[in-house]
């Protein structure tokens, strides 16, 4: 199985680009979610903002690892996470020349 997802698909003379993703933490789609993150994609870069969680909890390391895993599948090399009211989230991705950095 291919773990890389294309950021664009061409159908005839139309190209469809994935530029924004809304990530929800939930067991099953359609159920109430407990956290949300907005991810904007631009080439090999991802900008993550609007990270919110129920009851203003902080995101766990496991949450960040799952977001990193998604970004790897989208061939992202640089991830920037906007500062939140909970502080700056900054973690390296274990991959060639890839960073998780704050804005």
Protein backbone atom coordinates (compact mmCIF):
# COMPACT_ATOMS: atom_id res chain seq x y z
CA UNK A 1 0.00 0.00 0.00
CA UNK A 2 1.28 3.49 -0.87
CA UNK A 3 1.47 5.71 2.23
CA UNK A 4 2.01 8.91 0.23
CA UNK A 5 -1.08 10.93 -0.72
CA UNK A 6 -0.91 13.31 -3.68
CA UNK A 7 -1.67 16.94 -2.96
CA UNK A 8 -3.16 17.31 -6.42
CA UNK A 9 -5.17 15.20 -8.85
CA UNK A 10 -5.71 16.02 -12.51
CA UNK A 11 -8.96 15.08 -14.24
CA UNK A 12 -9.03 16.15 -17.87
CA UNK A 13 -8.10 19.85 -17.94
CA UNK A 14 -8.82 20.44 -14.24
CA UNK A 15 -6.28 20.13 -11.40
CA UNK A 16 -7.66 19.68 -7.88
CA UNK A 17 -5.27 20.74 -5.11
CA UNK A 18 -5.50 19.91 -1.43
CA UNK A 19 -4.71 23.25 0.22
CA UNK A 20 -6.53 23.07 3.53
CA UNK A 21 -7.36 20.21 5.87
CA UNK A 22 -9.53 20.20 8.97
CA UNK A 23 -8.39 17.47 11.35
CA UNK A 24 -10.84 16.21 13.97
CA UNK A 25 -10.05 13.94 16.91
CA UNK A 26 -12.97 11.50 17.05
CA UNK A 27 -13.44 7.72 17.03
CA UNK A 28 -16.02 7.72 14.22
CA UNK A 29 -16.71 10.39 11.60
CA UNK A 30 -19.91 12.28 12.33
CA UNK A 31 -19.71 11.90 16.11
CA UNK A 32 -18.89 14.88 18.35
CA UNK A 33 -15.16 15.56 18.26
CA UNK A 34 -12.90 16.44 21.18
CA UNK A 35 -10.20 18.41 19.31
CA UNK A 36 -9.67 20.21 16.01
CA UNK A 37 -6.68 21.49 14.02
CA UNK A 38 -6.62 23.46 10.76
CA UNK A 39 -3.75 22.55 8.43
CA UNK A 40 -2.89 24.72 5.42
CA UNK A 41 -0.68 23.08 2.77
CA UNK A 42 1.62 25.01 0.47
CA UNK A 43 3.98 22.83 -1.55
CA UNK A 44 6.15 20.94 0.95
CA UNK A 45 5.10 23.16 3.86
CA UNK A 46 2.26 22.86 6.34
CA UNK A 47 0.98 25.64 8.59
CA UNK A 48 -1.09 24.46 11.52
CA UNK A 49 -3.32 26.92 13.34
CA UNK A 50 -6.60 26.92 15.15
CA UNK A 51 -5.64 23.95 17.33
CA UNK A 52 -8.38 23.71 19.90
CA UNK A 53 -9.36 21.02 22.34
CA UNK A 54 -12.38 20.47 24.54
CA UNK A 55 -11.99 21.95 28.04
CA UNK A 56 -8.86 23.89 26.91
CA UNK A 57 -6.60 20.88 27.48
CA UNK A 58 -3.13 20.82 25.90
CA UNK A 59 -2.47 18.57 22.91
CA UNK A 60 -0.62 15.41 23.87
CA UNK A 61 2.57 14.13 22.28
CA UNK A 62 0.45 11.35 20.75
CA UNK A 63 -1.81 13.95 19.10
CA UNK A 64 1.24 15.70 17.61
CA UNK A 65 2.70 12.39 16.38
CA UNK A 66 -0.54 11.61 14.52
CA UNK A 67 -0.49 15.04 12.87
CA UNK A 68 3.16 14.46 11.89
CA UNK A 69 2.21 11.08 10.41
CA UNK A 70 -0.46 12.71 8.25
CA UNK A 71 1.99 15.39 7.09
CA UNK A 72 4.55 12.74 6.10
CA UNK A 73 1.89 11.05 3.97
CA UNK A 74 1.27 14.39 2.25
CA UNK A 75 5.05 14.73 1.51
CA UNK A 76 5.41 17.71 3.86
CA UNK A 77 8.99 18.69 4.78
CA UNK A 78 8.40 21.67 7.05
CA UNK A 79 5.62 22.08 9.60
CA UNK A 80 4.91 25.36 11.35
CA UNK A 81 2.53 25.46 14.30
CA UNK A 82 1.11 28.84 15.25
CA UNK A 83 1.45 29.77 18.92
CA UNK A 84 -1.67 29.11 20.97
CA UNK A 85 -2.90 30.45 24.26
CA UNK A 86 -1.44 27.29 25.77
CA UNK A 87 2.09 28.17 24.61
CA UNK A 88 4.21 27.38 21.59
CA UNK A 89 4.23 23.85 20.23
CA UNK A 90 7.65 22.96 18.83
CA UNK A 91 8.85 19.44 18.03
CA UNK A 92 11.25 18.00 15.43
CA UNK A 93 10.01 15.42 12.95
CA UNK A 94 12.37 12.49 12.69
CA UNK A 95 12.94 12.66 8.94
CA UNK A 96 15.49 14.19 6.56
CA UNK A 97 15.57 17.99 6.77
CA UNK A 98 12.11 18.10 8.27
CA UNK A 99 11.11 20.39 11.12
CA UNK A 100 8.19 21.06 13.38
CA UNK A 101 8.65 24.67 14.31
CA UNK A 102 6.68 27.52 15.74
CA UNK A 103 5.85 30.68 13.84
